[in-house]
Amino acid sequence: MSQSNFSGCLHGLHVLDLSRVLAGPFCTQLLGDMGAEIIKIEQPGKGDDTRQWGPPWFQGESAYYLSCNRNKKSVTINLKHKTGQALLQRLAATSDVVVENFKAGALKKFGLDYDSLR
């Protein structure tokens, strides 16, 4: 059987992932599985909360975290600092999709809500 170069139906789609815990990371996991480029934003010094979820563990890391964050590139950015907010605004401007699951209105104080980013 010959190998195909299929890279997924969402190849070329750029997703900025600000989501945390369960539904959001699962959503972006599926987008990544279908070929989208996912850039996951994590907290400096701590990372995603689910990095500590376990057992089960795989080579010292949370199996849940590894599963839901496969096919993603990860970077830490501090949302509370102006430089971090400016960087996220630039990343959002070059993304096709922004996924977040913060409490309603929580990102507005950082200028990262829907109305500010669109």
PDB file of N, CA and C in Angstrom:
ATOM      1  N   MET A   1       0.847  -1.169   0.000  1.00  0.00           N
ATOM      2  CA  MET A   1       0.000   0.000   0.000  1.00  0.00           C
ATOM      3  C   MET A   1       0.897   1.238   0.000  1.00  0.00           C
ATOM      4  N   SER A   2       0.550   2.205  -0.802  1.00  0.00           N
ATOM      5  CA  SER A   2       1.345   3.433  -0.858  1.00  0.00           C
ATOM      6  C   SER A   2       0.928   4.373   0.267  1.00  0.00           C
ATOM      7  N   GLN A   3       1.883   5.156   0.730  1.00  0.00           N
ATOM      8  CA  GLN A   3       1.588   6.139   1.765  1.00  0.00           C
ATOM      9  C   GLN A   3       1.039   7.402   1.126  1.00  0.00           C
ATOM     10  N   SER A   4       0.080   7.998   1.799  1.00  0.00           N
ATOM     11  CA  SER A   4      -0.443   9.276   1.313  1.00  0.00           C
ATOM     12  C   SER A   4       0.171  10.398   2.134  1.00  0.00           C
ATOM     13  N   ASN A   5       0.114  11.586   1.628  1.00  0.00           N
ATOM     14  CA  ASN A   5       0.610  12.755   2.337  1.00  0.00           C
ATOM     15  C   ASN A   5      -0.536  13.548   2.951  1.00  0.00           C
ATOM     16  N   PHE A   6      -1.618  12.856   3.291  1.00  0.00           N
ATOM     17  CA  PHE A   6      -2.774  13.521   3.878  1.00  0.00           C
ATOM     18  C   PHE A   6      -2.378  14.173   5.196  1.00  0.00           C
ATOM     19  N   SER A   7      -2.607  15.445   5.307  1.00  0.00           N
ATOM     20  CA  SER A   7      -2.209  16.158   6.517  1.00  0.00           C
ATOM     21  C   SER A   7      -3.414  16.642   7.322  1.00  0.00           C
ATOM     22  N   GLY A   8      -4.585  16.207   6.973  1.00  0.00           N
ATOM     23  CA  GLY A   8      -5.780  16.572   7.719  1.00  0.00           C
ATOM     24  C   GLY A   8      -6.603  17.630   7.015  1.00  0.00           C
ATOM     25  N   CYS A   9      -7.899  17.517   7.186  1.00  0.00           N
ATOM     26  CA  CYS A   9      -8.812  18.431   6.494  1.00  0.00           C
ATOM     27  C   CYS A   9      -8.724  19.867   7.013  1.00  0.00           C
ATOM     28  N   LEU A  10      -8.130  20.064   8.176  1.00  0.00           N
ATOM     29  CA  LEU A  10      -7.985  21.424   8.709  1.00  0.00           C
ATOM     30  C   LEU A  10      -6.556  21.947   8.581  1.00  0.00           C
ATOM     31  N   HIS A  11      -5.748  21.269   7.772  1.00  0.00           N
ATOM     32  CA  HIS A  11      -4.374  21.718   7.552  1.00  0.00           C
ATOM     33  C   HIS A  11      -4.386  23.170   7.065  1.00  0.00           C
ATOM     34  N   GLY A  12      -3.561  24.001   7.673  1.00  0.00           N
ATOM     35  CA  GLY A  12      -3.504  25.415   7.303  1.00  0.00           C
ATOM     36  C   GLY A  12      -4.327  26.317   8.210  1.00  0.00           C
ATOM     37  N   LEU A  13      -5.188  25.724   9.050  1.00  0.00           N
ATOM     38  CA  LEU A  13      -5.988  26.499   9.997  1.00  0.00           C
ATOM     39  C   LEU A  13      -5.140  26.767  11.240  1.00  0.00           C
ATOM     40  N   HIS A  14      -5.089  28.012  11.678  1.00  0.00           N
ATOM     41  CA  HIS A  14      -4.285  28.398  12.844  1.00  0.00           C
ATOM     42  C   HIS A  14      -5.215  28.697  14.017  1.00  0.00           C
ATOM     43  N   VAL A  15      -4.998  27.990  15.132  1.00  0.00           N
ATOM     44  CA  VAL A  15      -5.857  28.096  16.308  1.00  0.00           C
ATOM     45  C   VAL A  15      -5.041  28.569  17.504  1.00  0.00           C
ATOM     46  N   LEU A  16      -5.504  29.607  18.158  1.00  0.00           N
ATOM     47  CA  LEU A  16      -4.913  30.081  19.401  1.00  0.00           C
ATOM     48  C   LEU A  16      -5.754  29.514  20.537  1.00  0.00           C
ATOM     49  N   ASP A  17      -5.136  28.708  21.383  1.00  0.00           N
ATOM     50  CA  ASP A  17      -5.844  27.966  22.432  1.00  0.00           C
ATOM     51  C   ASP A  17      -5.565  28.577  23.801  1.00  0.00           C
ATOM     52  N   LEU A  18      -6.544  29.294  24.326  1.00  0.00           N
ATOM     53  CA  LEU A  18      -6.465  29.861  25.672  1.00  0.00           C
ATOM     54  C   LEU A  18      -7.278  29.026  26.654  1.00  0.00           C
ATOM     55  N   SER A  19      -7.720  27.855  26.235  1.00  0.00           N
ATOM     56  CA  SER A  19      -8.629  27.058  27.055  1.00  0.00           C
ATOM     57  C   SER A  19      -7.900  26.333  28.175  1.00  0.00           C
ATOM     58  N   ARG A  20      -8.701  25.964  29.167  1.00  0.00           N
ATOM     59  CA  ARG A  20      -8.186  25.248  30.328  1.00  0.00           C
ATOM     60  C   ARG A  20      -9.205  24.203  30.748  1.00  0.00           C
ATOM     61  N   VAL A  21      -8.766  23.057  31.120  1.00  0.00           N
ATOM     62  CA  VAL A  21      -9.558  22.028  31.785  1.00  0.00           C
ATOM     63  C   VAL A  21     -10.769  21.540  30.968  1.00  0.00           C
ATOM     64  N   LEU A  22     -10.722  20.324  30.560  1.00  0.00           N
ATOM     65  CA  LEU A  22     -11.796  19.532  29.973  1.00  0.00           C
ATOM     66  C   LEU A  22     -12.281  19.982  28.595  1.00  0.00           C
ATOM     67  N   ALA A  23     -13.410  20.673  28.500  1.00  0.00           N
ATOM     68  CA  ALA A  23     -14.062  20.888  27.204  1.00  0.00           C
ATOM     69  C   ALA A  23     -13.203  21.656  26.201  1.00  0.00           C
ATOM     70  N   GLY A  24     -12.577  22.736  26.623  1.00  0.00           N
ATOM     71  CA  GLY A  24     -11.758  23.535  25.706  1.00  0.00           C
ATOM     72  C   GLY A  24     -10.568  22.773  25.155  1.00  0.00           C
ATOM     73  N   PRO A  25      -9.745  22.158  26.028  1.00  0.00           N
ATOM     74  CA  PRO A  25      -8.617  21.375  25.519  1.00  0.00           C
ATOM     75  C   PRO A  25      -9.050  20.196  24.646  1.00  0.00           C
ATOM     76  N   PHE A  26     -10.202  19.589  24.962  1.00  0.00           N
ATOM     77  CA  PHE A  26     -10.694  18.493  24.130  1.00  0.00           C
ATOM     78  C   PHE A  26     -11.094  19.020  22.755  1.00  0.00           C
ATOM     79  N   CYS A  27     -11.732  20.183  22.715  1.00  0.00           N
ATOM     80  CA  CYS A  27     -12.106  20.810  21.445  1.00  0.00           C
ATOM     81  C   CYS A  27     -10.876  21.038  20.574  1.00  0.00           C
ATOM     82  N   THR A  28      -9.848  21.652  21.149  1.00  0.00           N
ATOM     83  CA  THR A  28      -8.657  21.950  20.352  1.00  0.00           C
ATOM     84  C   THR A  28      -7.857  20.691  20.039  1.00  0.00           C
ATOM     85  N   GLN A  29      -7.979  19.656  20.884  1.00  0.00           N
ATOM     86  CA  GLN A  29      -7.366  18.361  20.570  1.00  0.00           C
ATOM     87  C   GLN A  29      -7.948  17.827  19.263  1.00  0.00           C
ATOM     88  N   LEU A  30      -9.268  17.890  19.144  1.00  0.00           N
ATOM     89  CA  LEU A  30      -9.922  17.399  17.928  1.00  0.00           C
ATOM     90  C   LEU A  30      -9.516  18.220  16.706  1.00  0.00           C
ATOM     91  N   LEU A  31      -9.420  19.539  16.864  1.00  0.00           N
ATOM     92  CA  LEU A  31      -8.978  20.384  15.751  1.00  0.00           C
ATOM     93  C   LEU A  31      -7.553  20.020  15.337  1.00  0.00           C
ATOM     94  N   GLY A  32      -6.689  19.781  16.313  1.00  0.00           N
ATOM     95  CA  GLY A  32      -5.318  19.364  16.024  1.00  0.00           C
ATOM     96  C   GLY A  32      -5.263  18.000  15.365  1.00  0.00           C
ATOM     97  N   ASP A  33      -6.118  17.087  15.816  1.00  0.00           N
ATOM     98  CA  ASP A  33      -6.172  15.753  15.207  1.00  0.00           C
ATOM     99  C   ASP A  33      -6.548  15.838  13.731  1.00  0.00           C
ATOM    100  N   MET A  34      -7.313  16.875  13.378  1.00  0.00           N
ATOM    101  CA  MET A  34      -7.732  17.041  11.985  1.00  0.00           C
ATOM    102  C   MET A  34      -6.777  17.923  11.184  1.00  0.00           C
ATOM    103  N   GLY A  35      -5.629  18.263  11.772  1.00  0.00           N
ATOM    104  CA  GLY A  35      -4.588  18.939  11.012  1.00  0.00           C
ATOM    105  C   GLY A  35      -4.365  20.406  11.305  1.00  0.00           C
ATOM    106  N   ALA A  36      -5.197  21.010  12.149  1.00  0.00           N
ATOM    107  CA  ALA A  36      -5.007  22.428  12.474  1.00  0.00           C
ATOM    108  C   ALA A  36      -3.731  22.612  13.291  1.00  0.00           C
ATOM    109  N   GLU A  37      -3.103  23.775  13.128  1.00  0.00           N
ATOM    110  CA  GLU A  37      -1.962  24.127  13.972  1.00  0.00           C
ATOM    111  C   GLU A  37      -2.515  24.790  15.231  1.00  0.00           C
ATOM    112  N   ILE A  38      -2.193  24.211  16.383  1.00  0.00           N
ATOM    113  CA  ILE A  38      -2.698  24.708  17.658  1.00  0.00           C
ATOM    114  C   ILE A  38      -1.547  25.315  18.445  1.00  0.00           C
ATOM    115  N   ILE A  39      -1.717  26.558  18.886  1.00  0.00           N
ATOM    116  CA  ILE A  39      -0.763  27.179  19.800  1.00  0.00           C
ATOM    117  C   ILE A  39      -1.478  27.331  21.136  1.00  0.00           C
ATOM    118  N   LYS A  40      -1.048  26.532  22.104  1.00  0.00           N
ATOM    119  CA  LYS A  40      -1.658  26.518  23.434  1.00  0.00           C
ATOM    120  C   LYS A  40      -0.913  27.484  24.348  1.00  0.00           C
ATOM    121  N   ILE A  41      -1.677  28.327  25.030  1.00  0.00           N
ATOM    122  CA  ILE A  41      -1.106  29.295  25.963  1.00  0.00           C
ATOM    123  C   ILE A  41      -1.238  28.743  27.381  1.00  0.00           C
ATOM    124  N   GLU A  42      -0.114  28.718  28.099  1.00  0.00           N
ATOM    125  CA  GLU A  42      -0.106  28.224  29.470  1.00  0.00           C
ATOM    126  C   GLU A  42       0.434  29.289  30.413  1.00  0.00           C
ATOM    127  N   GLN A  43       0.194  29.089  31.712  1.00  0.00           N
ATOM    128  CA  GLN A  43       0.636  30.030  32.737  1.00  0.00           C
ATOM    129  C   GLN A  43       2.135  29.879  32.998  1.00  0.00           C
ATOM    130  N   PRO A  44       2.856  30.986  33.079  1.00  0.00           N
ATOM    131  CA  PRO A  44       4.287  30.899  33.400  1.00  0.00           C
ATOM    132  C   PRO A  44       4.512  30.254  34.771  1.00  0.00           C
ATOM    133  N   GLY A  45       5.520  29.397  34.846  1.00  0.00           N
ATOM    134  CA  GLY A  45       5.891  28.765  36.104  1.00  0.00           C
ATOM    135  C   GLY A  45       5.014  27.625  36.547  1.00  0.00           C
ATOM    136  N   LYS A  46       3.836  27.500  35.966  1.00  0.00           N
ATOM    137  CA  LYS A  46       2.875  26.484  36.394  1.00  0.00           C
ATOM    138  C   LYS A  46       2.401  25.621  35.234  1.00  0.00           C
ATOM    139  N   GLY A  47       2.208  26.235  34.105  1.00  0.00           N
ATOM    140  CA  GLY A  47       1.643  25.512  32.974  1.00  0.00           C
ATOM    141  C   GLY A  47       0.153  25.310  33.145  1.00  0.00           C
ATOM    142  N   ASP A  48      -0.380  24.390  32.400  1.00  0.00           N
ATOM    143  CA  ASP A  48      -1.795  24.040  32.461  1.00  0.00           C
ATOM    144  C   ASP A  48      -2.073  23.300  33.771  1.00  0.00           C
ATOM    145  N   ASP A  49      -3.214  23.583  34.406  1.00  0.00           N
ATOM    146  CA  ASP A  49      -3.577  22.906  35.657  1.00  0.00           C
ATOM    147  C   ASP A  49      -3.577  21.391  35.510  1.00  0.00           C
ATOM    148  N   THR A  50      -3.952  20.899  34.345  1.00  0.00           N
ATOM    149  CA  THR A  50      -4.084  19.449  34.169  1.00  0.00           C
ATOM    150  C   THR A  50      -2.742  18.729  34.057  1.00  0.00           C
ATOM    151  N   ARG A  51      -1.643  19.465  34.020  1.00  0.00           N
ATOM    152  CA  ARG A  51      -0.323  18.809  34.052  1.00  0.00           C
ATOM    153  C   ARG A  51      -0.153  18.013  35.345  1.00  0.00           C
ATOM    154  N   GLN A  52      -0.911  18.387  36.387  1.00  0.00           N
ATOM    155  CA  GLN A  52      -0.810  17.731  37.694  1.00  0.00           C
ATOM    156  C   GLN A  52      -1.887  16.673  37.918  1.00  0.00           C
ATOM    157  N   TRP A  53      -2.776  16.475  36.952  1.00  0.00           N
ATOM    158  CA  TRP A  53      -3.859  15.510  37.137  1.00  0.00           C
ATOM    159  C   TRP A  53      -3.343  14.095  36.965  1.00  0.00           C
ATOM    160  N   GLY A  54      -3.596  13.263  37.927  1.00  0.00           N
ATOM    161  CA  GLY A  54      -3.218  11.869  37.823  1.00  0.00           C
ATOM    162  C   GLY A  54      -3.439  11.185  39.156  1.00  0.00           C
ATOM    163  N   PRO A  55      -3.261   9.893  39.222  1.00  0.00           N
ATOM    164  CA  PRO A  55      -2.866   9.029  38.115  1.00  0.00           C
ATOM    165  C   PRO A  55      -4.000   8.862  37.113  1.00  0.00           C
ATOM    166  N   PRO A  56      -3.727   8.313  35.972  1.00  0.00           N
ATOM    167  CA  PRO A  56      -2.487   7.657  35.555  1.00  0.00           C
ATOM    168  C   PRO A  56      -1.442   8.665  35.083  1.00  0.00           C
ATOM    169  N   TRP A  57      -0.192   8.242  35.174  1.00  0.00           N
ATOM    170  CA  TRP A  57       0.956   9.021  34.742  1.00  0.00           C
ATOM    171  C   TRP A  57       1.664   8.278  33.623  1.00  0.00           C
ATOM    172  N   PHE A  58       2.284   9.004  32.736  1.00  0.00           N
ATOM    173  CA  PHE A  58       3.115   8.404  31.696  1.00  0.00           C
ATOM    174  C   PHE A  58       4.444   9.128  31.707  1.00  0.00           C
ATOM    175  N   GLN A  59       5.474   8.417  32.060  1.00  0.00           N
ATOM    176  CA  GLN A  59       6.824   8.977  32.149  1.00  0.00           C
ATOM    177  C   GLN A  59       6.835  10.279  32.954  1.00  0.00           C
ATOM    178  N   GLY A  60       6.125  10.257  34.087  1.00  0.00           N
ATOM    179  CA  GLY A  60       6.123  11.392  35.002  1.00  0.00           C
ATOM    180  C   GLY A  60       5.169  12.515  34.655  1.00  0.00           C
ATOM    181  N   GLU A  61       4.415  12.373  33.572  1.00  0.00           N
ATOM    182  CA  GLU A  61       3.463  13.419  33.182  1.00  0.00           C
ATOM    183  C   GLU A  61       2.042  12.869  33.222  1.00  0.00           C
ATOM    184  N   SER A  62       1.092  13.751  33.442  1.00  0.00           N
ATOM    185  CA  SER A  62      -0.313  13.370  33.483  1.00  0.00           C
ATOM    186  C   SER A  62      -0.752  12.801  32.138  1.00  0.00           C
ATOM    187  N   ALA A  63      -1.292  11.590  32.166  1.00  0.00           N
ATOM    188  CA  ALA A  63      -1.780  10.976  30.927  1.00  0.00           C
ATOM    189  C   ALA A  63      -2.917  11.805  30.330  1.00  0.00           C
ATOM    190  N   TYR A  64      -3.761  12.383  31.186  1.00  0.00           N
ATOM    191  CA  TYR A  64      -4.838  13.243  30.686  1.00  0.00           C
ATOM    192  C   TYR A  64      -4.253  14.432  29.930  1.00  0.00           C
ATOM    193  N   TYR A  65      -3.286  15.113  30.542  1.00  0.00           N
ATOM    194  CA  TYR A  65      -2.677  16.282  29.903  1.00  0.00           C
ATOM    195  C   TYR A  65      -2.055  15.900  28.561  1.00  0.00           C
ATOM    196  N   LEU A  66      -1.295  14.816  28.538  1.00  0.00           N
ATOM    197  CA  LEU A  66      -0.639  14.390  27.299  1.00  0.00           C
ATOM    198  C   LEU A  66      -1.655  14.068  26.212  1.00  0.00           C
ATOM    199  N   SER A  67      -2.750  13.425  26.600  1.00  0.00           N
ATOM    200  CA  SER A  67      -3.772  13.054  25.619  1.00  0.00           C
ATOM    201  C   SER A  67      -4.476  14.281  25.044  1.00  0.00           C
ATOM    202  N   CYS A  68      -4.944  15.161  25.904  1.00  0.00           N
ATOM    203  CA  CYS A  68      -5.722  16.321  25.439  1.00  0.00           C
ATOM    204  C   CYS A  68      -4.873  17.405  24.801  1.00  0.00           C
ATOM    205  N   ASN A  69      -3.572  17.306  24.931  1.00  0.00           N
ATOM    206  CA  ASN A  69      -2.720  18.359  24.378  1.00  0.00           C
ATOM    207  C   ASN A  69      -1.773  17.851  23.308  1.00  0.00           C
ATOM    208  N   ARG A  70      -2.081  16.687  22.763  1.00  0.00           N
ATOM    209  CA  ARG A  70      -1.284  16.190  21.640  1.00  0.00           C
ATOM    210  C   ARG A  70      -1.522  17.104  20.435  1.00  0.00           C
ATOM    211  N   ASN A  71      -0.586  17.115  19.535  1.00  0.00           N
ATOM    212  CA  ASN A  71      -0.682  17.920  18.307  1.00  0.00           C
ATOM    213  C   ASN A  71      -0.735  19.424  18.574  1.00  0.00           C
ATOM    214  N   LYS A  72      -0.214  19.861  19.722  1.00  0.00           N
ATOM    215  CA  LYS A  72      -0.236  21.287  20.053  1.00  0.00           C
ATOM    216  C   LYS A  72       1.180  21.784  20.314  1.00  0.00           C
ATOM    217  N   LYS A  73       1.390  23.048  19.996  1.00  0.00           N
ATOM    218  CA  LYS A  73       2.610  23.747  20.393  1.00  0.00           C
ATOM    219  C   LYS A  73       2.240  24.537  21.643  1.00  0.00           C
ATOM    220  N   SER A  74       3.118  24.565  22.611  1.00  0.00           N
ATOM    221  CA  SER A  74       2.795  25.209  23.874  1.00  0.00           C
ATOM    222  C   SER A  74       3.772  26.337  24.176  1.00  0.00           C
ATOM    223  N   VAL A  75       3.234  27.432  24.695  1.00  0.00           N
ATOM    224  CA  VAL A  75       4.055  28.580  25.081  1.00  0.00           C
ATOM    225  C   VAL A  75       3.447  29.180  26.352  1.00  0.00           C
ATOM    226  N   THR A  76       4.295  29.723  27.216  1.00  0.00           N
ATOM    227  CA  THR A  76       3.775  30.396  28.404  1.00  0.00           C
ATOM    228  C   THR A  76       3.759  31.902  28.166  1.00  0.00           C
ATOM    229  N   ILE A  77       2.633  32.502  28.512  1.00  0.00           N
ATOM    230  CA  ILE A  77       2.467  33.953  28.394  1.00  0.00           C
ATOM    231  C   ILE A  77       1.681  34.419  29.614  1.00  0.00           C
ATOM    232  N   ASN A  78       2.135  35.483  30.236  1.00  0.00           N
ATOM    233  CA  ASN A  78       1.453  36.024  31.400  1.00  0.00           C
ATOM    234  C   ASN A  78       0.369  37.005  30.951  1.00  0.00           C
ATOM    235  N   LEU A  79      -0.880  36.595  31.106  1.00  0.00           N
ATOM    236  CA  LEU A  79      -2.020  37.430  30.704  1.00  0.00           C
ATOM    237  C   LEU A  79      -2.150  38.697  31.543  1.00  0.00           C
ATOM    238  N   LYS A  80      -1.541  38.694  32.727  1.00  0.00           N
ATOM    239  CA  LYS A  80      -1.693  39.832  33.638  1.00  0.00           C
ATOM    240  C   LYS A  80      -0.748  40.985  33.318  1.00  0.00           C
ATOM    241  N   HIS A  81       0.257  40.743  32.497  1.00  0.00           N
ATOM    242  CA  HIS A  81       1.205  41.798  32.132  1.00  0.00           C
ATOM    243  C   HIS A  81       0.882  42.367  30.751  1.00  0.00           C
ATOM    244  N   LYS A  82       1.104  43.648  30.586  1.00  0.00           N
ATOM    245  CA  LYS A  82       0.812  44.328  29.314  1.00  0.00           C
ATOM    246  C   LYS A  82       1.567  43.696  28.144  1.00  0.00           C
ATOM    247  N   THR A  83       2.822  43.290  28.363  1.00  0.00           N
ATOM    248  CA  THR A  83       3.584  42.678  27.266  1.00  0.00           C
ATOM    249  C   THR A  83       2.963  41.349  26.852  1.00  0.00           C
ATOM    250  N   GLY A  84       2.476  40.580  27.827  1.00  0.00           N
ATOM    251  CA  GLY A  84       1.803  39.322  27.518  1.00  0.00           C
ATOM    252  C   GLY A  84       0.502  39.556  26.773  1.00  0.00           C
ATOM    253  N   GLN A  85      -0.242  40.563  27.190  1.00  0.00           N
ATOM    254  CA  GLN A  85      -1.501  40.899  26.524  1.00  0.00           C
ATOM    255  C   GLN A  85      -1.249  41.335  25.087  1.00  0.00           C
ATOM    256  N   ALA A  86      -0.217  42.148  24.889  1.00  0.00           N
ATOM    257  CA  ALA A  86       0.113  42.605  23.530  1.00  0.00           C
ATOM    258  C   ALA A  86       0.538  41.433  22.651  1.00  0.00           C
ATOM    259  N   LEU A  87       1.304  40.518  23.205  1.00  0.00           N
ATOM    260  CA  LEU A  87       1.723  39.339  22.450  1.00  0.00           C
ATOM    261  C   LEU A  87       0.518  38.483  22.070  1.00  0.00           C
ATOM    262  N   LEU A  88      -0.403  38.282  23.008  1.00  0.00           N
ATOM    263  CA  LEU A  88      -1.609  37.507  22.699  1.00  0.00           C
ATOM    264  C   LEU A  88      -2.464  38.190  21.643  1.00  0.00           C
ATOM    265  N   GLN A  89      -2.547  39.501  21.688  1.00  0.00           N
ATOM    266  CA  GLN A  89      -3.305  40.225  20.666  1.00  0.00           C
ATOM    267  C   GLN A  89      -2.682  40.027  19.288  1.00  0.00           C
ATOM    268  N   ARG A  90      -1.343  40.020  19.213  1.00  0.00           N
ATOM    269  CA  ARG A  90      -0.665  39.775  17.933  1.00  0.00           C
ATOM    270  C   ARG A  90      -0.888  38.340  17.463  1.00  0.00           C
ATOM    271  N   LEU A  91      -0.826  37.382  18.390  1.00  0.00           N
ATOM    272  CA  LEU A  91      -1.083  35.986  18.016  1.00  0.00           C
ATOM    273  C   LEU A  91      -2.524  35.810  17.535  1.00  0.00           C
ATOM    274  N   ALA A  92      -3.463  36.451  18.216  1.00  0.00           N
ATOM    275  CA  ALA A  92      -4.871  36.357  17.819  1.00  0.00           C
ATOM    276  C   ALA A  92      -5.087  36.951  16.433  1.00  0.00           C
ATOM    277  N   ALA A  93      -4.377  38.024  16.121  1.00  0.00           N
ATOM    278  CA  ALA A  93      -4.531  38.680  14.814  1.00  0.00           C
ATOM    279  C   ALA A  93      -4.089  37.780  13.668  1.00  0.00           C
ATOM    280  N   THR A  94      -3.191  36.847  13.933  1.00  0.00           N
ATOM    281  CA  THR A  94      -2.715  35.941  12.881  1.00  0.00           C
ATOM    282  C   THR A  94      -3.361  34.564  12.970  1.00  0.00           C
ATOM    283  N   SER A  95      -4.338  34.412  13.866  1.00  0.00           N
ATOM    284  CA  SER A  95      -5.031  33.132  14.033  1.00  0.00           C
ATOM    285  C   SER A  95      -6.379  33.167  13.332  1.00  0.00           C
ATOM    286  N   ASP A  96      -6.810  32.006  12.876  1.00  0.00           N
ATOM    287  CA  ASP A  96      -8.142  31.887  12.278  1.00  0.00           C
ATOM    288  C   ASP A  96      -9.204  31.685  13.345  1.00  0.00           C
ATOM    289  N   VAL A  97      -8.809  31.064  14.455  1.00  0.00           N
ATOM    290  CA  VAL A  97      -9.736  30.700  15.527  1.00  0.00           C
ATOM    291  C   VAL A  97      -9.063  30.981  16.867  1.00  0.00           C
ATOM    292  N   VAL A  98      -9.830  31.523  17.812  1.00  0.00           N
ATOM    293  CA  VAL A  98      -9.376  31.645  19.198  1.00  0.00           C
ATOM    294  C   VAL A  98     -10.366  30.865  20.053  1.00  0.00           C
ATOM    295  N   VAL A  99      -9.845  29.941  20.854  1.00  0.00           N
ATOM    296  CA  VAL A  99     -10.686  29.140  21.744  1.00  0.00           C
ATOM    297  C   VAL A  99     -10.321  29.504  23.179  1.00  0.00           C
ATOM    298  N   GLU A 100     -11.330  29.834  23.974  1.00  0.00           N
ATOM    299  CA  GLU A 100     -11.123  30.107  25.400  1.00  0.00           C
ATOM    300  C   GLU A 100     -12.347  29.631  26.155  1.00  0.00           C
ATOM    301  N   ASN A 101     -12.142  29.247  27.413  1.00  0.00           N
ATOM    302  CA  ASN A 101     -13.279  28.845  28.236  1.00  0.00           C
ATOM    303  C   ASN A 101     -13.154  29.414  29.652  1.00  0.00           C
ATOM    304  N   PHE A 102     -12.744  30.681  29.714  1.00  0.00           N
ATOM    305  CA  PHE A 102     -12.709  31.385  30.985  1.00  0.00           C
ATOM    306  C   PHE A 102     -14.140  31.724  31.403  1.00  0.00           C
ATOM    307  N   LYS A 103     -14.302  32.098  32.655  1.00  0.00           N
ATOM    308  CA  LYS A 103     -15.600  32.564  33.128  1.00  0.00           C
ATOM    309  C   LYS A 103     -16.017  33.757  32.271  1.00  0.00           C
ATOM    310  N   ALA A 104     -17.301  33.861  31.969  1.00  0.00           N
ATOM    311  CA  ALA A 104     -17.805  34.931  31.102  1.00  0.00           C
ATOM    312  C   ALA A 104     -17.305  36.292  31.572  1.00  0.00           C
ATOM    313  N   GLY A 105     -16.695  37.037  30.659  1.00  0.00           N
ATOM    314  CA  GLY A 105     -16.211  38.379  30.934  1.00  0.00           C
ATOM    315  C   GLY A 105     -14.818  38.461  31.536  1.00  0.00           C
ATOM    316  N   ALA A 106     -14.225  37.328  31.900  1.00  0.00           N
ATOM    317  CA  ALA A 106     -12.922  37.343  32.582  1.00  0.00           C
ATOM    318  C   ALA A 106     -11.801  37.915  31.714  1.00  0.00           C
ATOM    319  N   LEU A 107     -11.860  37.719  30.415  1.00  0.00           N
ATOM    320  CA  LEU A 107     -10.779  38.191  29.543  1.00  0.00           C
ATOM    321  C   LEU A 107     -10.924  39.661  29.150  1.00  0.00           C
ATOM    322  N   LYS A 108     -12.089  40.235  29.424  1.00  0.00           N
ATOM    323  CA  LYS A 108     -12.318  41.637  29.055  1.00  0.00           C
ATOM    324  C   LYS A 108     -11.333  42.572  29.758  1.00  0.00           C
ATOM    325  N   LYS A 109     -11.042  42.313  31.024  1.00  0.00           N
ATOM    326  CA  LYS A 109     -10.135  43.196  31.776  1.00  0.00           C
ATOM    327  C   LYS A 109      -8.711  43.172  31.227  1.00  0.00           C
ATOM    328  N   PHE A 110      -8.388  42.146  30.436  1.00  0.00           N
ATOM    329  CA  PHE A 110      -7.068  42.052  29.815  1.00  0.00           C
ATOM    330  C   PHE A 110      -7.084  42.515  28.356  1.00  0.00           C
ATOM    331  N   GLY A 111      -8.261  42.936  27.862  1.00  0.00           N
ATOM    332  CA  GLY A 111      -8.380  43.333  26.463  1.00  0.00           C
ATOM    333  C   GLY A 111      -8.280  42.150  25.513  1.00  0.00           C
ATOM    334  N   LEU A 112      -8.679  40.971  26.006  1.00  0.00           N
ATOM    335  CA  LEU A 112      -8.565  39.746  25.214  1.00  0.00           C
ATOM    336  C   LEU A 112      -9.915  39.080  24.972  1.00  0.00           C
ATOM    337  N   ASP A 113     -10.988  39.809  25.196  1.00  0.00           N
ATOM    338  CA  ASP A 113     -12.326  39.278  24.956  1.00  0.00           C
ATOM    339  C   ASP A 113     -12.658  39.341  23.463  1.00  0.00           C
ATOM    340  N   TYR A 114     -13.775  38.760  23.093  1.00  0.00           N
ATOM    341  CA  TYR A 114     -14.176  38.676  21.684  1.00  0.00           C
ATOM    342  C   TYR A 114     -14.204  40.051  21.018  1.00  0.00           C
ATOM    343  N   ASP A 115     -14.874  41.004  21.646  1.00  0.00           N
ATOM    344  CA  ASP A 115     -15.004  42.334  21.029  1.00  0.00           C
ATOM    345  C   ASP A 115     -13.654  43.024  20.843  1.00  0.00           C
ATOM    346  N   SER A 116     -12.733  42.817  21.771  1.00  0.00           N
ATOM    347  CA  SER A 116     -11.407  43.440  21.656  1.00  0.00           C
ATOM    348  C   SER A 116     -10.558  42.789  20.576  1.00  0.00           C
ATOM    349  N   LEU A 117     -10.702  41.482  20.401  1.00  0.00           N
ATOM    350  CA  LEU A 117      -9.848  40.753  19.459  1.00  0.00           C
ATOM    351  C   LEU A 117     -10.350  40.757  18.021  1.00  0.00           C
ATOM    352  N   ARG A 118     -11.646  40.932  17.816  1.00  0.00           N
ATOM    353  CA  ARG A 118     -12.157  40.832  16.448  1.00  0.00           C
ATOM    354  C   ARG A 118     -11.788  42.037  15.680  1.00  0.00           C
TER     355      ARG A 118
END
